[in-house]
């Protein structure tokens, strides 16, 4: 009797675990961005930051050169 009840408890716990895993997978797919989806955004942002920093650097160099 104990073995049967133990097996039943294990099966019940496995069912709960499987349900939890399905819920976690669903949340991950709905709420989070994958690396492949994020890559274009990252490239655009890095490009814009590079342009801004280059512009600031060139402006500072121009100020230094014109003051001499």
C-alpha atoms as a PDB file:
ATOM      1  CA  UNK A   1       0.000   0.000   0.000  1.00  0.00           C
ATOM      2  CA  UNK A   2       2.757   2.452   0.796  1.00  0.00           C
ATOM      3  CA  UNK A   3       4.448   1.939  -2.549  1.00  0.00           C
ATOM      4  CA  UNK A   4       1.205   2.594  -4.430  1.00  0.00           C
ATOM      5  CA  UNK A   5       0.519   5.740  -2.459  1.00  0.00           C
ATOM      6  CA  UNK A   6       4.128   6.868  -2.935  1.00  0.00           C
ATOM      7  CA  UNK A   7       3.839   6.332  -6.677  1.00  0.00           C
ATOM      8  CA  UNK A   8       0.561   8.256  -6.717  1.00  0.00           C
ATOM      9  CA  UNK A   9       2.165  11.148  -4.821  1.00  0.00           C
ATOM     10  CA  UNK A  10       5.117  11.159  -7.221  1.00  0.00           C
ATOM     11  CA  UNK A  11       2.780  11.159 -10.236  1.00  0.00           C
ATOM     12  CA  UNK A  12       0.808  14.042  -8.770  1.00  0.00           C
ATOM     13  CA  UNK A  13       3.949  16.035  -8.108  1.00  0.00           C
ATOM     14  CA  UNK A  14       5.181  15.335 -11.647  1.00  0.00           C
ATOM     15  CA  UNK A  15       1.890  16.643 -13.029  1.00  0.00           C
ATOM     16  CA  UNK A  16       2.313  19.862 -11.053  1.00  0.00           C
ATOM     17  CA  UNK A  17       5.912  20.200 -12.213  1.00  0.00           C
ATOM     18  CA  UNK A  18       4.932  19.701 -15.849  1.00  0.00           C
ATOM     19  CA  UNK A  19       2.191  22.297 -15.514  1.00  0.00           C
ATOM     20  CA  UNK A  20       4.635  24.754 -13.953  1.00  0.00           C
ATOM     21  CA  UNK A  21       7.175  24.152 -16.725  1.00  0.00           C
ATOM     22  CA  UNK A  22       4.536  24.776 -19.398  1.00  0.00           C
ATOM     23  CA  UNK A  23       3.566  28.026 -17.686  1.00  0.00           C
ATOM     24  CA  UNK A  24       7.198  29.137 -17.439  1.00  0.00           C
ATOM     25  CA  UNK A  25       7.811  28.386 -21.127  1.00  0.00           C
ATOM     26  CA  UNK A  26       4.675  30.309 -22.073  1.00  0.00           C
ATOM     27  CA  UNK A  27       5.768  33.340 -20.053  1.00  0.00           C
ATOM     28  CA  UNK A  28       9.268  33.220 -21.538  1.00  0.00           C
ATOM     29  CA  UNK A  29       7.902  33.151 -25.082  1.00  0.00           C
ATOM     30  CA  UNK A  30       5.428  35.972 -24.457  1.00  0.00           C
ATOM     31  CA  UNK A  31       7.380  38.391 -22.268  1.00  0.00           C
ATOM     32  CA  UNK A  32      11.044  38.168 -23.212  1.00  0.00           C
ATOM     33  CA  UNK A  33      13.010  39.096 -26.308  1.00  0.00           C
ATOM     34  CA  UNK A  34      15.373  36.598 -27.868  1.00  0.00           C
ATOM     35  CA  UNK A  35      18.925  37.469 -28.866  1.00  0.00           C
ATOM     36  CA  UNK A  36      18.003  37.201 -32.547  1.00  0.00           C
ATOM     37  CA  UNK A  37      15.189  39.738 -32.112  1.00  0.00           C
ATOM     38  CA  UNK A  38      17.383  42.083 -30.071  1.00  0.00           C
ATOM     39  CA  UNK A  39      20.409  42.073 -32.395  1.00  0.00           C
ATOM     40  CA  UNK A  40      19.119  44.699 -34.911  1.00  0.00           C
ATOM     41  CA  UNK A  41      18.118  47.045 -32.087  1.00  0.00           C
ATOM     42  CA  UNK A  42      21.537  46.653 -30.484  1.00  0.00           C
ATOM     43  CA  UNK A  43      23.296  47.444 -33.767  1.00  0.00           C
ATOM     44  CA  UNK A  44      21.210  50.588 -34.314  1.00  0.00           C
ATOM     45  CA  UNK A  45      21.798  51.856 -30.772  1.00  0.00           C
ATOM     46  CA  UNK A  46      25.531  51.130 -30.915  1.00  0.00           C
ATOM     47  CA  UNK A  47      25.726  52.899 -34.275  1.00  0.00           C
ATOM     48  CA  UNK A  48      23.963  55.990 -32.947  1.00  0.00           C
ATOM     49  CA  UNK A  49      26.160  56.084 -29.843  1.00  0.00           C
ATOM     50  CA  UNK A  50      29.243  55.804 -32.042  1.00  0.00           C
ATOM     51  CA  UNK A  51      28.068  58.700 -34.209  1.00  0.00           C
ATOM     52  CA  UNK A  52      27.360  60.901 -31.181  1.00  0.00           C
ATOM     53  CA  UNK A  53      30.690  60.149 -29.507  1.00  0.00           C
ATOM     54  CA  UNK A  54      32.576  60.709 -32.748  1.00  0.00           C
ATOM     55  CA  UNK A  55      30.814  64.043 -33.265  1.00  0.00           C
ATOM     56  CA  UNK A  56      31.643  65.184 -29.736  1.00  0.00           C
ATOM     57  CA  UNK A  57      35.263  64.126 -30.134  1.00  0.00           C
ATOM     58  CA  UNK A  58      35.592  65.935 -33.462  1.00  0.00           C
ATOM     59  CA  UNK A  59      33.976  69.073 -31.986  1.00  0.00           C
ATOM     60  CA  UNK A  60      36.412  69.044 -29.050  1.00  0.00           C
ATOM     61  CA  UNK A  61      39.367  68.587 -31.368  1.00  0.00           C
ATOM     62  CA  UNK A  62      38.081  71.428 -33.576  1.00  0.00           C
ATOM     63  CA  UNK A  63      37.819  73.711 -30.526  1.00  0.00           C
ATOM     64  CA  UNK A  64      41.351  72.880 -29.472  1.00  0.00           C
ATOM     65  CA  UNK A  65      42.752  73.459 -32.946  1.00  0.00           C
ATOM     66  CA  UNK A  66      40.933  76.753 -33.543  1.00  0.00           C
ATOM     67  CA  UNK A  67      42.015  78.203 -30.175  1.00  0.00           C
ATOM     68  CA  UNK A  68      45.705  77.776 -30.948  1.00  0.00           C
END
